[in-house]
């Protein structure tokens, strides 16, 4: 979660655009669907950690339209989209039904029967962002095991927030950085070995723990959302390079986690396409092919037309 930044008018998401031809098809596995109420609420608490050079729209409608426009302009062909209000997710989906893959964002106390019913109706196709770390809970807490059971039984991909949060958050909320230790998922996977899980934010900054989990659990994937546009590019590149050089380039997925800043989408993509240590094949894996495989999307979704 981030706070609000500088407000802006209009519908242009551009701060330096990317054409579809320059990037090829992309899958965004981590797109929030928020309205501007979220920005006002969080902005009253967190004033230190946000991209001050990015404008954000004045209204919820313009935020939705700018976000969809940014996806199209960047060549993002699918976006796993979640929000705390299912009605907002439904509005994003109605805006572009082919592009938006609906998902559920939730923390502790989520009714598992409601999730099951929403999945049966087709209202959600993934679970995540799961925000237990913000509730002061580890992913191994017995209170959340029913969600893991559902994800395994229904073969629903589940994306868990691990790692990054606004500075000062532990002093204000139950959030604790240690609760985002990726190695905790080893215990989950021993109980639910068939679950399809991806670690959001690639567990930054807990790199060694993330590498340990990826090595011990070949089914786990990660996304690089937020860390590809908020933290310094040199730090992101160092983290990404270690993941790739350790042999896990085929399990890293692009995500935006743009929240209320559509202009962050091209910046996050450029952080991948400009990485000098990545081959063109590795870039394509991260931007599209890995997500196509993990989410079992249509075989042709990553083909350049």
Protein backbone atom coordinates (compact mmCIF):
# COMPACT_ATOMS: atom_id res chain seq x y z
CA UNK A 1 0.00 0.00 0.00
CA UNK A 2 1.17 3.48 -0.86
CA UNK A 3 -0.09 6.98 -0.23
CA UNK A 4 -1.40 9.62 -2.58
CA UNK A 5 0.87 11.70 -4.79
CA UNK A 6 0.41 14.84 -6.89
CA UNK A 7 -3.04 15.11 -8.45
CA UNK A 8 -3.55 15.58 -12.15
CA UNK A 9 -6.30 16.16 -14.70
CA UNK A 10 -7.06 14.62 -18.07
CA UNK A 11 -6.92 11.11 -19.41
CA UNK A 12 -3.37 10.81 -20.69
CA UNK A 13 -1.27 8.29 -18.73
CA UNK A 14 1.93 9.22 -20.56
CA UNK A 15 5.15 10.20 -18.87
CA UNK A 16 7.19 8.63 -21.67
CA UNK A 17 5.18 6.10 -23.57
CA UNK A 18 5.87 2.57 -24.69
CA UNK A 19 4.36 1.28 -27.88
CA UNK A 20 3.06 -2.24 -28.26
CA UNK A 21 5.60 -2.85 -31.02
CA UNK A 22 8.52 -1.98 -28.77
CA UNK A 23 7.54 -4.31 -25.93
CA UNK A 24 5.45 -7.08 -27.47
CA UNK A 25 2.57 -8.68 -25.57
CA UNK A 26 2.76 -8.28 -21.77
CA UNK A 27 0.82 -9.87 -18.91
CA UNK A 28 0.43 -7.76 -15.75
CA UNK A 29 -0.09 -10.19 -12.88
CA UNK A 30 -0.59 -7.52 -10.21
CA UNK A 31 -2.96 -4.69 -11.10
CA UNK A 32 -5.00 -3.08 -8.30
CA UNK A 33 -8.48 -1.70 -9.01
CA UNK A 34 -8.93 1.18 -6.59
CA UNK A 35 -10.94 4.35 -6.48
CA UNK A 36 -9.67 7.71 -5.27
CA UNK A 37 -11.18 7.20 -1.82
CA UNK A 38 -8.30 4.81 -1.19
CA UNK A 39 -5.81 7.55 -2.04
CA UNK A 40 -7.36 10.02 0.38
CA UNK A 41 -7.51 7.49 3.22
CA UNK A 42 -3.94 6.26 2.94
CA UNK A 43 -2.56 9.69 2.09
CA UNK A 44 -3.62 10.97 5.49
CA UNK A 45 -1.26 8.46 7.12
CA UNK A 46 1.64 7.94 4.72
CA UNK A 47 3.25 11.09 3.39
CA UNK A 48 6.77 9.79 2.89
CA UNK A 49 6.61 6.90 0.48
CA UNK A 50 5.19 7.56 -2.92
CA UNK A 51 6.37 8.71 -6.36
CA UNK A 52 5.96 12.45 -6.00
CA UNK A 53 6.68 13.03 -9.69
CA UNK A 54 3.65 10.95 -10.75
CA UNK A 55 0.24 12.62 -10.97
CA UNK A 56 -2.88 10.74 -10.02
CA UNK A 57 -6.38 11.33 -11.39
CA UNK A 58 -8.96 13.43 -9.59
CA UNK A 59 -11.86 11.01 -9.91
CA UNK A 60 -12.38 7.27 -9.74
CA UNK A 61 -13.73 7.23 -13.28
CA UNK A 62 -10.67 9.00 -14.68
CA UNK A 63 -8.40 6.67 -12.70
CA UNK A 64 -10.10 3.66 -14.27
CA UNK A 65 -9.98 5.12 -17.78
CA UNK A 66 -6.35 6.20 -17.48
CA UNK A 67 -5.35 2.80 -16.14
CA UNK A 68 -7.06 0.91 -18.99
CA UNK A 69 -5.51 3.34 -21.50
CA UNK A 70 -2.05 2.76 -19.99
CA UNK A 71 -2.50 -1.01 -20.28
CA UNK A 72 -3.45 -0.77 -23.94
CA UNK A 73 -0.66 1.65 -24.79
CA UNK A 74 1.97 -0.55 -23.14
CA UNK A 75 0.82 -3.68 -24.96
CA UNK A 76 -0.52 -5.36 -21.81
CA UNK A 77 -2.87 -8.02 -23.15
CA UNK A 78 -4.01 -9.47 -19.81
CA UNK A 79 -4.05 -7.98 -16.30
CA UNK A 80 -4.83 -9.91 -13.11
CA UNK A 81 -6.90 -7.23 -11.38
CA UNK A 82 -8.00 -7.11 -7.75
CA UNK A 83 -9.32 -4.63 -5.23
CA UNK A 84 -10.80 -4.48 -1.77
CA UNK A 85 -14.19 -3.55 -3.29
CA UNK A 86 -15.49 -6.17 -5.77
CA UNK A 87 -17.73 -3.54 -7.36
CA UNK A 88 -14.70 -1.51 -8.42
CA UNK A 89 -13.08 -4.63 -9.91
CA UNK A 90 -16.31 -5.29 -11.81
CA UNK A 91 -16.17 -1.77 -13.30
CA UNK A 92 -12.62 -2.36 -14.53
CA UNK A 93 -13.68 -5.67 -16.01
CA UNK A 94 -16.67 -4.11 -17.75
CA UNK A 95 -14.33 -1.51 -19.27
CA UNK A 96 -12.24 -4.21 -20.99
CA UNK A 97 -13.53 -7.74 -20.51
CA UNK A 98 -10.88 -9.36 -22.73
CA UNK A 99 -7.97 -7.74 -20.89
CA UNK A 100 -9.04 -7.81 -17.24
CA UNK A 101 -8.77 -11.07 -15.26
CA UNK A 102 -10.72 -10.52 -12.02
CA UNK A 103 -9.18 -11.48 -8.69
CA UNK A 104 -9.91 -10.98 -4.98
CA UNK A 105 -7.88 -8.73 -2.67
CA UNK A 106 -8.37 -9.44 1.01
CA UNK A 107 -6.80 -9.86 4.42
CA UNK A 108 -7.77 -11.69 7.58
CA UNK A 109 -11.43 -12.48 8.18
CA UNK A 110 -12.37 -13.13 4.55
CA UNK A 111 -15.32 -15.52 4.29
CA UNK A 112 -14.07 -18.57 2.43
CA UNK A 113 -17.57 -19.56 1.36
CA UNK A 114 -17.92 -16.14 -0.31
CA UNK A 115 -14.66 -16.68 -2.16
CA UNK A 116 -15.79 -20.11 -3.27
CA UNK A 117 -19.10 -18.75 -4.53
CA UNK A 118 -17.40 -15.88 -6.37
CA UNK A 119 -15.06 -18.35 -8.07
CA UNK A 120 -18.00 -20.58 -9.05
CA UNK A 121 -19.78 -17.59 -10.62
CA UNK A 122 -16.63 -16.62 -12.50
CA UNK A 123 -16.35 -13.31 -10.64
CA UNK A 124 -12.79 -14.15 -9.62
CA UNK A 125 -10.13 -16.27 -11.30
CA UNK A 126 -7.30 -15.71 -8.82
CA UNK A 127 -6.78 -14.93 -5.13
CA UNK A 128 -4.55 -11.98 -4.41
CA UNK A 129 -3.33 -9.64 -3.47
CA UNK A 130 -3.58 -11.42 -0.11
CA UNK A 131 -2.71 -8.90 2.59
CA UNK A 132 -2.17 -11.00 5.72
CA UNK A 133 1.18 -9.35 6.43
CA UNK A 134 -0.62 -6.03 6.82
CA UNK A 135 -2.90 -7.69 9.40
CA UNK A 136 0.09 -8.80 11.46
CA UNK A 137 -0.19 -12.43 10.36
CA UNK A 138 2.18 -14.88 8.78
CA UNK A 139 1.00 -16.96 5.85
CA UNK A 140 1.35 -19.99 8.14
CA UNK A 141 -1.16 -18.71 10.71
CA UNK A 142 -3.89 -21.32 11.38
CA UNK A 143 -6.54 -18.61 10.92
CA UNK A 144 -5.80 -18.41 7.19
CA UNK A 145 -5.37 -22.10 6.42
CA UNK A 146 -8.90 -22.40 5.03
CA UNK A 147 -7.90 -20.03 2.22
CA UNK A 148 -4.94 -22.23 1.32
CA UNK A 149 -7.25 -25.25 1.35
CA UNK A 150 -9.65 -23.53 -1.03
CA UNK A 151 -6.85 -22.46 -3.37
CA UNK A 152 -5.54 -26.01 -3.53
CA UNK A 153 -8.93 -27.69 -3.89
CA UNK A 154 -10.07 -25.35 -6.67
CA UNK A 155 -6.59 -24.95 -8.24
CA UNK A 156 -6.91 -21.16 -7.93
CA UNK A 157 -3.65 -19.19 -8.26
CA UNK A 158 -2.93 -17.27 -5.06
CA UNK A 159 -0.64 -14.23 -4.82
CA UNK A 160 0.61 -13.28 -1.37
CA UNK A 161 2.02 -9.89 -0.42
CA UNK A 162 5.50 -10.34 1.02
CA UNK A 163 8.11 -7.72 1.73
CA UNK A 164 7.68 -4.04 0.97
CA UNK A 165 5.42 -1.61 2.87
CA UNK A 166 5.48 2.14 3.53
CA UNK A 167 8.18 3.41 5.91
CA UNK A 168 6.89 3.75 9.46
CA UNK A 169 4.12 1.22 8.87
CA UNK A 170 5.08 -1.05 11.82
CA UNK A 171 4.66 1.89 14.19
CA UNK A 172 1.14 2.60 12.92
CA UNK A 173 -0.27 -0.82 12.05
CA UNK A 174 0.17 -4.55 12.83
CA UNK A 175 2.42 -4.88 9.76
CA UNK A 176 5.82 -6.46 10.43
CA UNK A 177 8.55 -6.99 7.84
CA UNK A 178 9.55 -10.34 9.38
CA UNK A 179 6.06 -11.70 8.64
CA UNK A 180 6.86 -11.44 4.94
CA UNK A 181 9.66 -14.00 5.08
CA UNK A 182 9.21 -16.11 1.92
CA UNK A 183 10.64 -19.17 3.67
CA UNK A 184 7.46 -19.35 5.75
CA UNK A 185 5.75 -20.66 2.64
CA UNK A 186 7.72 -23.89 2.94
CA UNK A 187 5.43 -24.87 5.82
CA UNK A 188 2.35 -23.97 3.75
CA UNK A 189 3.55 -26.06 0.82
CA UNK A 190 4.14 -29.10 3.01
CA UNK A 191 0.45 -28.98 3.96
CA UNK A 192 -0.81 -27.91 0.53
CA UNK A 193 1.69 -29.26 -2.00
CA UNK A 194 -0.52 -28.69 -5.05
CA UNK A 195 -1.25 -25.00 -4.43
CA UNK A 196 -0.22 -22.52 -7.16
CA UNK A 197 1.36 -19.59 -5.30
CA UNK A 198 3.27 -16.54 -6.41
CA UNK A 199 5.15 -14.20 -4.08
CA UNK A 200 4.34 -10.58 -4.76
CA UNK A 201 7.11 -7.97 -4.88
CA UNK A 202 9.50 -10.96 -5.07
CA UNK A 203 9.77 -10.69 -1.27
CA UNK A 204 11.96 -7.56 -1.49
CA UNK A 205 14.21 -6.92 0.38
CA UNK A 206 14.53 -10.50 1.68
CA UNK A 207 16.55 -11.76 -1.28
CA UNK A 208 18.37 -14.67 0.29
CA UNK A 209 15.16 -16.06 1.76
CA UNK A 210 13.45 -15.64 -1.60
CA UNK A 211 16.23 -17.53 -3.36
CA UNK A 212 16.00 -20.29 -0.76
CA UNK A 213 12.28 -20.74 -1.34
CA UNK A 214 12.60 -20.72 -5.13
CA UNK A 215 15.32 -23.35 -4.90
CA UNK A 216 13.45 -25.63 -2.50
CA UNK A 217 9.99 -25.18 -4.04
CA UNK A 218 10.05 -25.35 -7.87
CA UNK A 219 6.33 -24.58 -8.14
CA UNK A 220 6.65 -21.07 -6.65
CA UNK A 221 6.74 -17.99 -8.92
CA UNK A 222 7.30 -14.30 -8.09
CA UNK A 223 6.22 -10.94 -9.44
CA UNK A 224 8.34 -7.79 -9.45
CA UNK A 225 5.47 -5.33 -8.96
CA UNK A 226 6.26 -1.98 -7.27
CA UNK A 227 9.95 -2.76 -6.94
CA UNK A 228 10.27 -2.22 -10.71
CA UNK A 229 9.26 1.45 -10.44
CA UNK A 230 9.39 2.71 -6.87
CA UNK A 231 12.75 1.70 -5.44
CA UNK A 232 15.93 2.98 -7.14
CA UNK A 233 16.48 1.26 -10.48
CA UNK A 234 19.99 0.18 -9.49
CA UNK A 235 18.59 -1.62 -6.45
CA UNK A 236 15.86 -3.28 -8.50
CA UNK A 237 18.37 -4.37 -11.14
CA UNK A 238 20.66 -5.82 -8.49
CA UNK A 239 17.79 -7.80 -6.97
CA UNK A 240 16.47 -8.97 -10.34
CA UNK A 241 19.92 -9.93 -11.54
CA UNK A 242 20.48 -12.18 -8.52
CA UNK A 243 17.15 -13.92 -9.13
CA UNK A 244 18.00 -14.51 -12.78
CA UNK A 245 21.62 -15.53 -12.25
CA UNK A 246 20.52 -18.00 -9.59
CA UNK A 247 18.55 -19.75 -12.32
CA UNK A 248 15.00 -18.55 -11.72
CA UNK A 249 14.40 -16.37 -14.77
CA UNK A 250 11.61 -18.71 -15.89
CA UNK A 251 9.59 -18.03 -12.71
CA UNK A 252 9.67 -14.21 -12.59
CA UNK A 253 6.58 -12.29 -13.77
CA UNK A 254 5.95 -8.64 -14.55
CA UNK A 255 3.43 -6.80 -12.39
CA UNK A 256 2.65 -3.11 -12.11
CA UNK A 257 0.90 -2.65 -8.74
CA UNK A 258 0.27 0.86 -10.05
CA UNK A 259 -2.57 1.58 -7.54
CA UNK A 260 -3.36 5.20 -8.44
CA UNK A 261 -0.44 6.06 -10.72
CA UNK A 262 -1.03 4.85 -14.30
CA UNK A 263 2.20 6.59 -15.31
CA UNK A 264 4.14 4.02 -13.28
CA UNK A 265 3.22 1.27 -15.78
CA UNK A 266 5.66 2.27 -18.56
CA UNK A 267 8.36 3.04 -16.00
CA UNK A 268 8.11 -0.46 -14.53
CA UNK A 269 8.25 -2.05 -17.97
CA UNK A 270 11.28 0.00 -18.98
CA UNK A 271 13.10 -1.17 -15.86
CA UNK A 272 12.89 -4.66 -17.35
CA UNK A 273 13.42 -3.89 -21.04
CA UNK A 274 16.44 -1.66 -20.25
CA UNK A 275 18.13 -4.18 -17.93
CA UNK A 276 21.51 -4.77 -19.63
CA UNK A 277 22.02 -8.19 -18.06
CA UNK A 278 18.82 -9.71 -19.49
CA UNK A 279 18.72 -11.41 -22.86
CA UNK A 280 15.78 -10.74 -25.16
CA UNK A 281 14.48 -14.21 -24.37
CA UNK A 282 14.64 -13.53 -20.62
CA UNK A 283 12.79 -10.25 -21.07
CA UNK A 284 10.01 -12.03 -22.96
CA UNK A 285 9.82 -14.66 -20.22
CA UNK A 286 9.39 -12.01 -17.52
CA UNK A 287 6.99 -9.81 -19.48
CA UNK A 288 4.68 -12.54 -20.77
CA UNK A 289 5.68 -16.17 -21.19
CA UNK A 290 6.11 -17.06 -17.51
CA UNK A 291 2.70 -15.62 -16.63
CA UNK A 292 1.06 -17.40 -19.57
CA UNK A 293 2.36 -20.69 -18.17
CA UNK A 294 1.62 -19.99 -14.49
CA UNK A 295 -1.94 -18.74 -15.04
CA UNK A 296 -2.58 -21.23 -17.87
CA UNK A 297 -3.68 -18.54 -20.25
CA UNK A 298 -4.51 -19.09 -23.91
CA UNK A 299 -1.52 -20.44 -25.78
CA UNK A 300 -1.46 -17.52 -28.23
CA UNK A 301 -1.63 -14.71 -25.68
CA UNK A 302 2.11 -13.99 -25.85
CA UNK A 303 2.49 -14.19 -29.61
CA UNK A 304 3.50 -11.03 -31.44
CA UNK A 305 0.95 -10.23 -34.11
